[in-house]
Amino acid sequence: TINSKFTTVKNDIITKHSMFETDKKVVGPIWTGPLFDSDLVAQMSKNAKNYDKDVINLLKIFDEESRVNIVGFHDLHKISETTKTKIPKTEDVIIKLKKLGYQASQTHFSGHAVKTNAELKEIIRLFF
């Protein structure tokens, strides 16, 4: 029947594109590979020695971020807004998290976001 053929094709597409179905909604595609290519970032940094300072700084952020193999980030502005407290400096948060043994880096897309394996409740306990 048409419905069974559609279901088979739909399931094949979902599987092929790392999508999944829940409560009659299709979610995805889901990225399951590494988010960064550290070797590529290293090569770009090596080739950028004579580039603009902003490009070199961005590549440094890419390099740091590529070492924190975690999906997601914590937005310090949002946390500050939610907890009704002063926002700490991003650099201070990263330094303290690293001293405590967590992985941590700034994100390339926001100066107020931290990529880390520390849980949100730990960040709130430490800084807010």
PDB file of N, CA and C in Angstrom:
ATOM      1  N   THR A   1       0.830  -1.192   0.000  1.00  0.00           N
ATOM      2  CA  THR A   1       0.000   0.000   0.000  1.00  0.00           C
ATOM      3  C   THR A   1       0.870   1.249   0.000  1.00  0.00           C
ATOM      4  N   ILE A   2       0.247   2.355  -0.312  1.00  0.00           N
ATOM      5  CA  ILE A   2       0.972   3.622  -0.357  1.00  0.00           C
ATOM      6  C   ILE A   2       1.502   3.995   1.028  1.00  0.00           C
ATOM      7  N   ASN A   3       0.687   3.790   2.067  1.00  0.00           N
ATOM      8  CA  ASN A   3       1.124   4.133   3.421  1.00  0.00           C
ATOM      9  C   ASN A   3       2.353   3.335   3.849  1.00  0.00           C
ATOM     10  N   SER A   4       2.388   2.050   3.561  1.00  0.00           N
ATOM     11  CA  SER A   4       3.541   1.250   3.975  1.00  0.00           C
ATOM     12  C   SER A   4       4.784   1.634   3.182  1.00  0.00           C
ATOM     13  N   LYS A   5       4.630   1.968   1.894  1.00  0.00           N
ATOM     14  CA  LYS A   5       5.782   2.424   1.105  1.00  0.00           C
ATOM     15  C   LYS A   5       6.290   3.755   1.638  1.00  0.00           C
ATOM     16  N   PHE A   6       5.367   4.665   1.967  1.00  0.00           N
ATOM     17  CA  PHE A   6       5.750   5.960   2.522  1.00  0.00           C
ATOM     18  C   PHE A   6       6.500   5.771   3.835  1.00  0.00           C
ATOM     19  N   THR A   7       5.983   4.889   4.690  1.00  0.00           N
ATOM     20  CA  THR A   7       6.613   4.637   5.992  1.00  0.00           C
ATOM     21  C   THR A   7       8.019   4.091   5.800  1.00  0.00           C
ATOM     22  N   THR A   8       8.207   3.177   4.849  1.00  0.00           N
ATOM     23  CA  THR A   8       9.524   2.610   4.584  1.00  0.00           C
ATOM     24  C   THR A   8      10.484   3.675   4.094  1.00  0.00           C
ATOM     25  N   VAL A   9      10.051   4.499   3.152  1.00  0.00           N
ATOM     26  CA  VAL A   9      10.899   5.575   2.619  1.00  0.00           C
ATOM     27  C   VAL A   9      11.226   6.570   3.725  1.00  0.00           C
ATOM     28  N   LYS A  10      10.215   6.951   4.503  1.00  0.00           N
ATOM     29  CA  LYS A  10      10.414   7.896   5.602  1.00  0.00           C
ATOM     30  C   LYS A  10      11.421   7.338   6.599  1.00  0.00           C
ATOM     31  N   ASN A  11      11.297   6.074   6.970  1.00  0.00           N
ATOM     32  CA  ASN A  11      12.217   5.463   7.921  1.00  0.00           C
ATOM     33  C   ASN A  11      13.639   5.408   7.366  1.00  0.00           C
ATOM     34  N   ASP A  12      13.763   5.147   6.066  1.00  0.00           N
ATOM     35  CA  ASP A  12      15.083   5.134   5.437  1.00  0.00           C
ATOM     36  C   ASP A  12      15.729   6.519   5.494  1.00  0.00           C
ATOM     37  N   ILE A  13      14.939   7.550   5.217  1.00  0.00           N
ATOM     38  CA  ILE A  13      15.449   8.923   5.261  1.00  0.00           C
ATOM     39  C   ILE A  13      15.860   9.286   6.680  1.00  0.00           C
ATOM     40  N   ILE A  14      15.030   8.943   7.631  1.00  0.00           N
ATOM     41  CA  ILE A  14      15.315   9.244   9.038  1.00  0.00           C
ATOM     42  C   ILE A  14      16.621   8.575   9.459  1.00  0.00           C
ATOM     43  N   THR A  15      16.796   7.320   9.096  1.00  0.00           N
ATOM     44  CA  THR A  15      18.007   6.592   9.455  1.00  0.00           C
ATOM     45  C   THR A  15      19.231   7.171   8.749  1.00  0.00           C
ATOM     46  N   LYS A  16      19.120   7.435   7.467  1.00  0.00           N
ATOM     47  CA  LYS A  16      20.245   7.921   6.669  1.00  0.00           C
ATOM     48  C   LYS A  16      20.747   9.272   7.164  1.00  0.00           C
ATOM     49  N   HIS A  17      19.864  10.127   7.606  1.00  0.00           N
ATOM     50  CA  HIS A  17      20.241  11.488   7.979  1.00  0.00           C
ATOM     51  C   HIS A  17      20.310  11.698   9.490  1.00  0.00           C
ATOM     52  N   SER A  18      20.495  10.622  10.247  1.00  0.00           N
ATOM     53  CA  SER A  18      20.628  10.686  11.705  1.00  0.00           C
ATOM     54  C   SER A  18      19.483  11.461  12.350  1.00  0.00           C
ATOM     55  N   MET A  19      18.298  11.212  11.872  1.00  0.00           N
ATOM     56  CA  MET A  19      17.118  11.843  12.433  1.00  0.00           C
ATOM     57  C   MET A  19      16.395  10.811  13.291  1.00  0.00           C
ATOM     58  N   PHE A  20      15.550  11.255  14.172  1.00  0.00           N
ATOM     59  CA  PHE A  20      14.739  10.310  14.898  1.00  0.00           C
ATOM     60  C   PHE A  20      13.329  10.865  15.047  1.00  0.00           C
ATOM     61  N   GLU A  21      12.406   9.966  15.297  1.00  0.00           N
ATOM     62  CA  GLU A  21      11.003  10.333  15.373  1.00  0.00           C
ATOM     63  C   GLU A  21      10.522  10.137  16.804  1.00  0.00           C
ATOM     64  N   THR A  22       9.807  11.134  17.311  1.00  0.00           N
ATOM     65  CA  THR A  22       9.257  11.036  18.649  1.00  0.00           C
ATOM     66  C   THR A  22       7.904  11.718  18.676  1.00  0.00           C
ATOM     67  N   ASP A  23       6.926  11.073  19.247  1.00  0.00           N
ATOM     68  CA  ASP A  23       5.575  11.633  19.345  1.00  0.00           C
ATOM     69  C   ASP A  23       5.068  12.186  18.012  1.00  0.00           C
ATOM     70  N   LYS A  24       5.298  11.437  16.960  1.00  0.00           N
ATOM     71  CA  LYS A  24       4.824  11.784  15.611  1.00  0.00           C
ATOM     72  C   LYS A  24       5.520  13.004  15.017  1.00  0.00           C
ATOM     73  N   LYS A  25       6.631  13.448  15.628  1.00  0.00           N
ATOM     74  CA  LYS A  25       7.411  14.562  15.100  1.00  0.00           C
ATOM     75  C   LYS A  25       8.787  14.041  14.736  1.00  0.00           C
ATOM     76  N   VAL A  26       9.297  14.506  13.618  1.00  0.00           N
ATOM     77  CA  VAL A  26      10.641  14.126  13.200  1.00  0.00           C
ATOM     78  C   VAL A  26      11.600  15.208  13.675  1.00  0.00           C
ATOM     79  N   VAL A  27      12.693  14.794  14.316  1.00  0.00           N
ATOM     80  CA  VAL A  27      13.685  15.712  14.831  1.00  0.00           C
ATOM     81  C   VAL A  27      14.994  15.442  14.104  1.00  0.00           C
ATOM     82  N   GLY A  28      15.686  16.489  13.710  1.00  0.00           N
ATOM     83  CA  GLY A  28      16.990  16.288  13.091  1.00  0.00           C
ATOM     84  C   GLY A  28      17.156  17.149  11.873  1.00  0.00           C
ATOM     85  N   PRO A  29      18.187  16.987  11.102  1.00  0.00           N
ATOM     86  CA  PRO A  29      19.203  15.958  11.310  1.00  0.00           C
ATOM     87  C   PRO A  29      20.031  16.228  12.565  1.00  0.00           C
ATOM     88  N   ILE A  30      20.503  15.168  13.147  1.00  0.00           N
ATOM     89  CA  ILE A  30      21.311  15.234  14.352  1.00  0.00           C
ATOM     90  C   ILE A  30      22.772  15.053  13.945  1.00  0.00           C
ATOM     91  N   TRP A  31      23.623  15.982  14.343  1.00  0.00           N
ATOM     92  CA  TRP A  31      25.044  15.863  14.031  1.00  0.00           C
ATOM     93  C   TRP A  31      25.666  14.910  15.036  1.00  0.00           C
ATOM     94  N   THR A  32      26.322  13.865  14.558  1.00  0.00           N
ATOM     95  CA  THR A  32      26.897  12.876  15.454  1.00  0.00           C
ATOM     96  C   THR A  32      28.416  12.827  15.382  1.00  0.00           C
ATOM     97  N   GLY A  33      29.003  13.645  14.519  1.00  0.00           N
ATOM     98  CA  GLY A  33      30.460  13.646  14.392  1.00  0.00           C
ATOM     99  C   GLY A  33      31.083  14.747  15.225  1.00  0.00           C
ATOM    100  N   PRO A  34      32.406  14.878  15.148  1.00  0.00           N
ATOM    101  CA  PRO A  34      33.079  15.943  15.886  1.00  0.00           C
ATOM    102  C   PRO A  34      32.647  17.312  15.350  1.00  0.00           C
ATOM    103  N   LEU A  35      32.580  18.284  16.246  1.00  0.00           N
ATOM    104  CA  LEU A  35      32.179  19.622  15.838  1.00  0.00           C
ATOM    105  C   LEU A  35      33.336  20.403  15.230  1.00  0.00           C
ATOM    106  N   PHE A  36      34.555  20.045  15.572  1.00  0.00           N
ATOM    107  CA  PHE A  36      35.739  20.742  15.077  1.00  0.00           C
ATOM    108  C   PHE A  36      36.722  19.749  14.505  1.00  0.00           C
ATOM    109  N   ASP A  37      37.532  20.236  13.591  1.00  0.00           N
ATOM    110  CA  ASP A  37      38.658  19.477  13.074  1.00  0.00           C
ATOM    111  C   ASP A  37      39.909  20.172  13.608  1.00  0.00           C
ATOM    112  N   SER A  38      40.450  19.668  14.712  1.00  0.00           N
ATOM    113  CA  SER A  38      41.592  20.303  15.380  1.00  0.00           C
ATOM    114  C   SER A  38      42.802  20.430  14.460  1.00  0.00           C
ATOM    115  N   ASP A  39      43.011  19.430  13.610  1.00  0.00           N
ATOM    116  CA  ASP A  39      44.136  19.488  12.674  1.00  0.00           C
ATOM    117  C   ASP A  39      43.970  20.641  11.689  1.00  0.00           C
ATOM    118  N   LEU A  40      42.750  20.832  11.213  1.00  0.00           N
ATOM    119  CA  LEU A  40      42.483  21.937  10.288  1.00  0.00           C
ATOM    120  C   LEU A  40      42.695  23.280  10.980  1.00  0.00           C
ATOM    121  N   VAL A  41      42.218  23.399  12.210  1.00  0.00           N
ATOM    122  CA  VAL A  41      42.401  24.642  12.969  1.00  0.00           C
ATOM    123  C   VAL A  41      43.894  24.919  13.171  1.00  0.00           C
ATOM    124  N   ALA A  42      44.669  23.892  13.502  1.00  0.00           N
ATOM    125  CA  ALA A  42      46.120  24.052  13.690  1.00  0.00           C
ATOM    126  C   ALA A  42      46.781  24.509  12.391  1.00  0.00           C
ATOM    127  N   GLN A  43      46.390  23.925  11.276  1.00  0.00           N
ATOM    128  CA  GLN A  43      46.960  24.300   9.978  1.00  0.00           C
ATOM    129  C   GLN A  43      46.588  25.737   9.609  1.00  0.00           C
ATOM    130  N   MET A  44      45.339  26.111   9.872  1.00  0.00           N
ATOM    131  CA  MET A  44      44.895  27.484   9.603  1.00  0.00           C
ATOM    132  C   MET A  44      45.694  28.472  10.455  1.00  0.00           C
ATOM    133  N   SER A  45      45.916  28.133  11.715  1.00  0.00           N
ATOM    134  CA  SER A  45      46.681  29.008  12.610  1.00  0.00           C
ATOM    135  C   SER A  45      48.118  29.165  12.117  1.00  0.00           C
ATOM    136  N   LYS A  46      48.703  28.065  11.674  1.00  0.00           N
ATOM    137  CA  LYS A  46      50.073  28.099  11.164  1.00  0.00           C
ATOM    138  C   LYS A  46      50.170  28.997   9.923  1.00  0.00           C
ATOM    139  N   ASN A  47      49.152  28.949   9.070  1.00  0.00           N
ATOM    140  CA  ASN A  47      49.166  29.729   7.831  1.00  0.00           C
ATOM    141  C   ASN A  47      48.756  31.189   8.030  1.00  0.00           C
ATOM    142  N   ALA A  48      48.286  31.537   9.218  1.00  0.00           N
ATOM    143  CA  ALA A  48      47.728  32.874   9.444  1.00  0.00           C
ATOM    144  C   ALA A  48      48.681  33.807  10.193  1.00  0.00           C
ATOM    145  N   LYS A  49      49.942  33.489  10.240  1.00  0.00           N
ATOM    146  CA  LYS A  49      50.890  34.285  11.030  1.00  0.00           C
ATOM    147  C   LYS A  49      50.928  35.760  10.631  1.00  0.00           C
ATOM    148  N   ASN A  50      50.725  36.052   9.364  1.00  0.00           N
ATOM    149  CA  ASN A  50      50.791  37.442   8.894  1.00  0.00           C
ATOM    150  C   ASN A  50      49.414  38.066   8.705  1.00  0.00           C
ATOM    151  N   TYR A  51      48.385  37.431   9.218  1.00  0.00           N
ATOM    152  CA  TYR A  51      47.027  37.949   9.065  1.00  0.00           C
ATOM    153  C   TYR A  51      46.729  39.000  10.120  1.00  0.00           C
ATOM    154  N   ASP A  52      45.603  39.607   9.969  1.00  0.00           N
ATOM    155  CA  ASP A  52      45.092  40.589  10.912  1.00  0.00           C
ATOM    156  C   ASP A  52      44.996  39.990  12.312  1.00  0.00           C
ATOM    157  N   LYS A  53      45.234  40.808  13.333  1.00  0.00           N
ATOM    158  CA  LYS A  53      45.199  40.372  14.725  1.00  0.00           C
ATOM    159  C   LYS A  53      43.850  39.732  15.085  1.00  0.00           C
ATOM    160  N   ASP A  54      42.750  40.264  14.565  1.00  0.00           N
ATOM    161  CA  ASP A  54      41.421  39.715  14.867  1.00  0.00           C
ATOM    162  C   ASP A  54      41.261  38.294  14.328  1.00  0.00           C
ATOM    163  N   VAL A  55      41.824  38.041  13.157  1.00  0.00           N
ATOM    164  CA  VAL A  55      41.760  36.692  12.573  1.00  0.00           C
ATOM    165  C   VAL A  55      42.555  35.725  13.434  1.00  0.00           C
ATOM    166  N   ILE A  56      43.739  36.137  13.851  1.00  0.00           N
ATOM    167  CA  ILE A  56      44.583  35.286  14.687  1.00  0.00           C
ATOM    168  C   ILE A  56      43.897  34.999  16.022  1.00  0.00           C
ATOM    169  N   ASN A  57      43.269  36.017  16.624  1.00  0.00           N
ATOM    170  CA  ASN A  57      42.549  35.812  17.889  1.00  0.00           C
ATOM    171  C   ASN A  57      41.370  34.864  17.722  1.00  0.00           C
ATOM    172  N   LEU A  58      40.647  34.988  16.616  1.00  0.00           N
ATOM    173  CA  LEU A  58      39.527  34.086  16.352  1.00  0.00           C
ATOM    174  C   LEU A  58      40.021  32.647  16.200  1.00  0.00           C
ATOM    175  N   LEU A  59      41.131  32.470  15.520  1.00  0.00           N
ATOM    176  CA  LEU A  59      41.694  31.127  15.368  1.00  0.00           C
ATOM    177  C   LEU A  59      42.145  30.550  16.714  1.00  0.00           C
ATOM    178  N   LYS A  60      42.619  31.401  17.615  1.00  0.00           N
ATOM    179  CA  LYS A  60      42.981  30.944  18.964  1.00  0.00           C
ATOM    180  C   LYS A  60      41.741  30.453  19.709  1.00  0.00           C
ATOM    181  N   ILE A  61      40.636  31.176  19.536  1.00  0.00           N
ATOM    182  CA  ILE A  61      39.379  30.742  20.163  1.00  0.00           C
ATOM    183  C   ILE A  61      38.931  29.423  19.561  1.00  0.00           C
ATOM    184  N   PHE A  62      39.009  29.292  18.233  1.00  0.00           N
ATOM    185  CA  PHE A  62      38.666  28.017  17.578  1.00  0.00           C
ATOM    186  C   PHE A  62      39.505  26.888  18.153  1.00  0.00           C
ATOM    187  N   ASP A  63      40.801  27.147  18.320  1.00  0.00           N
ATOM    188  CA  ASP A  63      41.704  26.115  18.833  1.00  0.00           C
ATOM    189  C   ASP A  63      41.291  25.678  20.235  1.00  0.00           C
ATOM    190  N   GLU A  64      41.083  26.641  21.131  1.00  0.00           N
ATOM    191  CA  GLU A  64      40.653  26.321  22.497  1.00  0.00           C
ATOM    192  C   GLU A  64      39.317  25.582  22.494  1.00  0.00           C
ATOM    193  N   GLU A  65      38.377  26.094  21.713  1.00  0.00           N
ATOM    194  CA  GLU A  65      37.035  25.501  21.673  1.00  0.00           C
ATOM    195  C   GLU A  65      37.086  24.078  21.122  1.00  0.00           C
ATOM    196  N   SER A  66      37.983  23.838  20.166  1.00  0.00           N
ATOM    197  CA  SER A  66      38.069  22.498  19.561  1.00  0.00           C
ATOM    198  C   SER A  66      38.562  21.458  20.554  1.00  0.00           C
ATOM    199  N   ARG A  67      39.201  21.898  21.624  1.00  0.00           N
ATOM    200  CA  ARG A  67      39.729  20.972  22.641  1.00  0.00           C
ATOM    201  C   ARG A  67      38.664  20.563  23.665  1.00  0.00           C
ATOM    202  N   VAL A  68      37.540  21.281  23.672  1.00  0.00           N
ATOM    203  CA  VAL A  68      36.438  20.964  24.584  1.00  0.00           C
ATOM    204  C   VAL A  68      35.377  20.250  23.754  1.00  0.00           C
ATOM    205  N   ASN A  69      35.462  18.938  23.729  1.00  0.00           N
ATOM    206  CA  ASN A  69      34.614  18.131  22.844  1.00  0.00           C
ATOM    207  C   ASN A  69      33.238  17.903  23.472  1.00  0.00           C
ATOM    208  N   ILE A  70      32.470  18.979  23.535  1.00  0.00           N
ATOM    209  CA  ILE A  70      31.157  18.957  24.163  1.00  0.00           C
ATOM    210  C   ILE A  70      30.185  19.722  23.270  1.00  0.00           C
ATOM    211  N   VAL A  71      28.978  19.228  23.175  1.00  0.00           N
ATOM    212  CA  VAL A  71      27.943  19.932  22.424  1.00  0.00           C
ATOM    213  C   VAL A  71      27.221  20.849  23.404  1.00  0.00           C
ATOM    214  N   GLY A  72      27.067  22.094  23.023  1.00  0.00           N
ATOM    215  CA  GLY A  72      26.339  23.039  23.853  1.00  0.00           C
ATOM    216  C   GLY A  72      27.253  24.027  24.551  1.00  0.00           C
ATOM    217  N   PHE A  73      26.634  24.970  25.248  1.00  0.00           N
ATOM    218  CA  PHE A  73      27.374  26.028  25.933  1.00  0.00           C
ATOM    219  C   PHE A  73      26.478  26.621  27.009  1.00  0.00           C
ATOM    220  N   HIS A  74      27.077  27.427  27.877  1.00  0.00           N
ATOM    221  CA  HIS A  74      26.337  28.145  28.914  1.00  0.00           C
ATOM    222  C   HIS A  74      26.462  29.636  28.638  1.00  0.00           C
ATOM    223  N   ASP A  75      25.357  30.319  28.516  1.00  0.00           N
ATOM    224  CA  ASP A  75      25.317  31.751  28.263  1.00  0.00           C
ATOM    225  C   ASP A  75      25.333  32.474  29.610  1.00  0.00           C
ATOM    226  N   LEU A  76      26.445  33.138  29.918  1.00  0.00           N
ATOM    227  CA  LEU A  76      26.597  33.794  31.215  1.00  0.00           C
ATOM    228  C   LEU A  76      25.600  34.937  31.405  1.00  0.00           C
ATOM    229  N   HIS A  77      25.226  35.605  30.311  1.00  0.00           N
ATOM    230  CA  HIS A  77      24.202  36.657  30.413  1.00  0.00           C
ATOM    231  C   HIS A  77      22.862  36.064  30.850  1.00  0.00           C
ATOM    232  N   LYS A  78      22.487  34.955  30.250  1.00  0.00           N
ATOM    233  CA  LYS A  78      21.208  34.307  30.609  1.00  0.00           C
ATOM    234  C   LYS A  78      21.220  33.835  32.059  1.00  0.00           C
ATOM    235  N   ILE A  79      22.330  33.243  32.475  1.00  0.00           N
ATOM    236  CA  ILE A  79      22.431  32.766  33.854  1.00  0.00           C
ATOM    237  C   ILE A  79      22.323  33.952  34.809  1.00  0.00           C
ATOM    238  N   SER A  80      23.028  35.031  34.488  1.00  0.00           N
ATOM    239  CA  SER A  80      22.994  36.231  35.326  1.00  0.00           C
ATOM    240  C   SER A  80      21.581  36.811  35.402  1.00  0.00           C
ATOM    241  N   GLU A  81      20.920  36.826  34.263  1.00  0.00           N
ATOM    242  CA  GLU A  81      19.550  37.326  34.190  1.00  0.00           C
ATOM    243  C   GLU A  81      18.617  36.466  35.048  1.00  0.00           C
ATOM    244  N   THR A  82      18.763  35.166  34.953  1.00  0.00           N
ATOM    245  CA  THR A  82      17.917  34.228  35.686  1.00  0.00           C
ATOM    246  C   THR A  82      18.171  34.288  37.194  1.00  0.00           C
ATOM    247  N   THR A  83      19.445  34.388  37.570  1.00  0.00           N
ATOM    248  CA  THR A  83      19.789  34.398  38.988  1.00  0.00           C
ATOM    249  C   THR A  83      19.750  35.807  39.590  1.00  0.00           C
ATOM    250  N   LYS A  84      19.533  36.792  38.727  1.00  0.00           N
ATOM    251  CA  LYS A  84      19.469  38.202  39.147  1.00  0.00           C
ATOM    252  C   LYS A  84      20.751  38.625  39.887  1.00  0.00           C
ATOM    253  N   THR A  85      21.881  38.251  39.289  1.00  0.00           N
ATOM    254  CA  THR A  85      23.175  38.590  39.851  1.00  0.00           C
ATOM    255  C   THR A  85      24.058  39.217  38.780  1.00  0.00           C
ATOM    256  N   LYS A  86      25.163  39.801  39.220  1.00  0.00           N
ATOM    257  CA  LYS A  86      26.110  40.425  38.302  1.00  0.00           C
ATOM    258  C   LYS A  86      26.812  39.355  37.473  1.00  0.00           C
ATOM    259  N   ILE A  87      26.997  39.638  36.210  1.00  0.00           N
ATOM    260  CA  ILE A  87      27.665  38.676  35.330  1.00  0.00           C
ATOM    261  C   ILE A  87      29.177  38.700  35.574  1.00  0.00           C
ATOM    262  N   PRO A  88      29.779  37.533  35.766  1.00  0.00           N
ATOM    263  CA  PRO A  88      31.238  37.488  35.937  1.00  0.00           C
ATOM    264  C   PRO A  88      31.933  37.629  34.578  1.00  0.00           C
ATOM    265  N   LYS A  89      33.214  37.944  34.607  1.00  0.00           N
ATOM    266  CA  LYS A  89      33.983  38.003  33.367  1.00  0.00           C
ATOM    267  C   LYS A  89      34.132  36.582  32.822  1.00  0.00           C
ATOM    268  N   THR A  90      33.947  36.445  31.532  1.00  0.00           N
ATOM    269  CA  THR A  90      34.041  35.133  30.883  1.00  0.00           C
ATOM    270  C   THR A  90      35.397  34.492  31.164  1.00  0.00           C
ATOM    271  N   GLU A  91      36.447  35.273  31.047  1.00  0.00           N
ATOM    272  CA  GLU A  91      37.798  34.759  31.268  1.00  0.00           C
ATOM    273  C   GLU A  91      37.965  34.227  32.697  1.00  0.00           C
ATOM    274  N   ASP A  92      37.372  34.919  33.681  1.00  0.00           N
ATOM    275  CA  ASP A  92      37.456  34.457  35.073  1.00  0.00           C
ATOM    276  C   ASP A  92      36.753  33.116  35.256  1.00  0.00           C
ATOM    277  N   VAL A  93      35.613  32.971  34.601  1.00  0.00           N
ATOM    278  CA  VAL A  93      34.862  31.711  34.684  1.00  0.00           C
ATOM    279  C   VAL A  93      35.691  30.573  34.100  1.00  0.00           C
ATOM    280  N   ILE A  94      36.279  30.801  32.941  1.00  0.00           N
ATOM    281  CA  ILE A  94      37.075  29.769  32.273  1.00  0.00           C
ATOM    282  C   ILE A  94      38.281  29.373  33.119  1.00  0.00           C
ATOM    283  N   ILE A  95      38.993  30.363  33.649  1.00  0.00           N
ATOM    284  CA  ILE A  95      40.181  30.083  34.466  1.00  0.00           C
ATOM    285  C   ILE A  95      39.809  29.259  35.698  1.00  0.00           C
ATOM    286  N   LYS A  96      38.754  29.661  36.385  1.00  0.00           N
ATOM    287  CA  LYS A  96      38.366  28.951  37.608  1.00  0.00           C
ATOM    288  C   LYS A  96      37.895  27.527  37.302  1.00  0.00           C
ATOM    289  N   LEU A  97      37.117  27.364  36.242  1.00  0.00           N
ATOM    290  CA  LEU A  97      36.658  26.023  35.874  1.00  0.00           C
ATOM    291  C   LEU A  97      37.839  25.110  35.550  1.00  0.00           C
ATOM    292  N   LYS A  98      38.815  25.634  34.819  1.00  0.00           N
ATOM    293  CA  LYS A  98      40.006  24.833  34.482  1.00  0.00           C
ATOM    294  C   LYS A  98      40.785  24.460  35.743  1.00  0.00           C
ATOM    295  N   LYS A  99      40.914  25.412  36.683  1.00  0.00           N
ATOM    296  CA  LYS A  99      41.624  25.119  37.941  1.00  0.00           C
ATOM    297  C   LYS A  99      40.937  24.004  38.719  1.00  0.00           C
ATOM    298  N   LEU A 100      39.615  23.901  38.560  1.00  0.00           N
ATOM    299  CA  LEU A 100      38.858  22.860  39.252  1.00  0.00           C
ATOM    300  C   LEU A 100      38.826  21.540  38.474  1.00  0.00           C
ATOM    301  N   GLY A 101      39.527  21.496  37.334  1.00  0.00           N
ATOM    302  CA  GLY A 101      39.635  20.261  36.571  1.00  0.00           C
ATOM    303  C   GLY A 101      38.623  20.096  35.451  1.00  0.00           C
ATOM    304  N   TYR A 102      37.805  21.112  35.215  1.00  0.00           N
ATOM    305  CA  TYR A 102      36.836  21.043  34.115  1.00  0.00           C
ATOM    306  C   TYR A 102      37.485  21.488  32.817  1.00  0.00           C
ATOM    307  N   GLN A 103      36.930  21.029  31.722  1.00  0.00           N
ATOM    308  CA  GLN A 103      37.293  21.577  30.423  1.00  0.00           C
ATOM    309  C   GLN A 103      36.470  22.852  30.254  1.00  0.00           C
ATOM    310  N   ALA A 104      37.066  23.891  29.680  1.00  0.00           N
ATOM    311  CA  ALA A 104      36.323  25.134  29.499  1.00  0.00           C
ATOM    312  C   ALA A 104      36.987  26.003  28.437  1.00  0.00           C
ATOM    313  N   SER A 105      36.163  26.681  27.654  1.00  0.00           N
ATOM    314  CA  SER A 105      36.665  27.643  26.678  1.00  0.00           C
ATOM    315  C   SER A 105      35.566  28.645  26.346  1.00  0.00           C
ATOM    316  N   GLN A 106      36.008  29.756  25.791  1.00  0.00           N
ATOM    317  CA  GLN A 106      35.069  30.727  25.231  1.00  0.00           C
ATOM    318  C   GLN A 106      34.498  30.110  23.960  1.00  0.00           C
ATOM    319  N   THR A 107      33.352  30.567  23.522  1.00  0.00           N
ATOM    320  CA  THR A 107      32.822  30.115  22.233  1.00  0.00           C
ATOM    321  C   THR A 107      33.204  31.131  21.166  1.00  0.00           C
ATOM    322  N   HIS A 108      33.251  30.689  19.926  1.00  0.00           N
ATOM    323  CA  HIS A 108      33.629  31.588  18.831  1.00  0.00           C
ATOM    324  C   HIS A 108      32.509  32.547  18.453  1.00  0.00           C
ATOM    325  N   PHE A 109      31.295  32.284  18.901  1.00  0.00           N
ATOM    326  CA  PHE A 109      30.150  33.086  18.476  1.00  0.00           C
ATOM    327  C   PHE A 109      29.648  34.057  19.529  1.00  0.00           C
ATOM    328  N   SER A 110      30.183  33.979  20.753  1.00  0.00           N
ATOM    329  CA  SER A 110      29.750  34.896  21.800  1.00  0.00           C
ATOM    330  C   SER A 110      30.851  35.070  22.832  1.00  0.00           C
ATOM    331  N   GLY A 111      31.133  36.303  23.181  1.00  0.00           N
ATOM    332  CA  GLY A 111      32.111  36.587  24.203  1.00  0.00           C
ATOM    333  C   GLY A 111      31.598  36.326  25.607  1.00  0.00           C
ATOM    334  N   HIS A 112      30.302  36.024  25.725  1.00  0.00           N
ATOM    335  CA  HIS A 112      29.693  35.784  27.037  1.00  0.00           C
ATOM    336  C   HIS A 112      29.151  34.365  27.171  1.00  0.00           C
ATOM    337  N   ALA A 113      29.689  33.455  26.379  1.00  0.00           N
ATOM    338  CA  ALA A 113      29.254  32.059  26.450  1.00  0.00           C
ATOM    339  C   ALA A 113      30.465  31.182  26.747  1.00  0.00           C
ATOM    340  N   VAL A 114      30.242  30.154  27.534  1.00  0.00           N
ATOM    341  CA  VAL A 114      31.312  29.240  27.929  1.00  0.00           C
ATOM    342  C   VAL A 114      30.923  27.827  27.539  1.00  0.00           C
ATOM    343  N   LYS A 115      31.846  27.175  26.881  1.00  0.00           N
ATOM    344  CA  LYS A 115      31.679  25.770  26.536  1.00  0.00           C
ATOM    345  C   LYS A 115      32.451  24.985  27.589  1.00  0.00           C
ATOM    346  N   THR A 116      31.766  24.103  28.315  1.00  0.00           N
ATOM    347  CA  THR A 116      32.416  23.387  29.408  1.00  0.00           C
ATOM    348  C   THR A 116      31.695  22.079  29.713  1.00  0.00           C
ATOM    349  N   ASN A 117      32.417  21.167  30.348  1.00  0.00           N
ATOM    350  CA  ASN A 117      31.786  19.931  30.810  1.00  0.00           C
ATOM    351  C   ASN A 117      31.240  20.077  32.226  1.00  0.00           C
ATOM    352  N   ALA A 118      31.369  21.272  32.821  1.00  0.00           N
ATOM    353  CA  ALA A 118      30.764  21.521  34.130  1.00  0.00           C
ATOM    354  C   ALA A 118      29.253  21.680  33.961  1.00  0.00           C
ATOM    355  N   GLU A 119      28.509  21.175  34.914  1.00  0.00           N
ATOM    356  CA  GLU A 119      27.055  21.303  34.863  1.00  0.00           C
ATOM    357  C   GLU A 119      26.649  22.720  35.243  1.00  0.00           C
ATOM    358  N   LEU A 120      25.480  23.108  34.771  1.00  0.00           N
ATOM    359  CA  LEU A 120      24.962  24.444  35.043  1.00  0.00           C
ATOM    360  C   LEU A 120      24.924  24.740  36.537  1.00  0.00           C
ATOM    361  N   LYS A 121      24.485  23.777  37.337  1.00  0.00           N
ATOM    362  CA  LYS A 121      24.380  24.011  38.787  1.00  0.00           C
ATOM    363  C   LYS A 121      25.746  24.292  39.399  1.00  0.00           C
ATOM    364  N   GLU A 122      26.807  23.709  38.848  1.00  0.00           N
ATOM    365  CA  GLU A 122      28.169  23.967  39.339  1.00  0.00           C
ATOM    366  C   GLU A 122      28.596  25.390  38.974  1.00  0.00           C
ATOM    367  N   ILE A 123      28.280  25.824  37.791  1.00  0.00           N
ATOM    368  CA  ILE A 123      28.615  27.193  37.366  1.00  0.00           C
ATOM    369  C   ILE A 123      27.869  28.201  38.238  1.00  0.00           C
ATOM    370  N   ILE A 124      26.611  27.947  38.483  1.00  0.00           N
ATOM    371  CA  ILE A 124      25.828  28.849  39.339  1.00  0.00           C
ATOM    372  C   ILE A 124      26.410  28.871  40.756  1.00  0.00           C
ATOM    373  N   ARG A 125      26.749  27.711  41.286  1.00  0.00           N
ATOM    374  CA  ARG A 125      27.312  27.629  42.641  1.00  0.00           C
ATOM    375  C   ARG A 125      28.619  28.423  42.734  1.00  0.00           C
ATOM    376  N   LEU A 126      29.452  28.353  41.718  1.00  0.00           N
ATOM    377  CA  LEU A 126      30.753  29.001  41.749  1.00  0.00           C
ATOM    378  C   LEU A 126      30.711  30.505  41.518  1.00  0.00           C
ATOM    379  N   PHE A 127      29.804  30.953  40.682  1.00  0.00           N
ATOM    380  CA  PHE A 127      29.902  32.332  40.196  1.00  0.00           C
ATOM    381  C   PHE A 127      28.675  33.212  40.452  1.00  0.00           C
ATOM    382  N   PHE A 128      27.550  32.618  40.804  1.00  0.00           N
ATOM    383  CA  PHE A 128      26.350  33.462  40.887  1.00  0.00           C
ATOM    384  C   PHE A 128      25.695  33.413  42.265  1.00  0.00           C
TER     385      PHE A 128
END
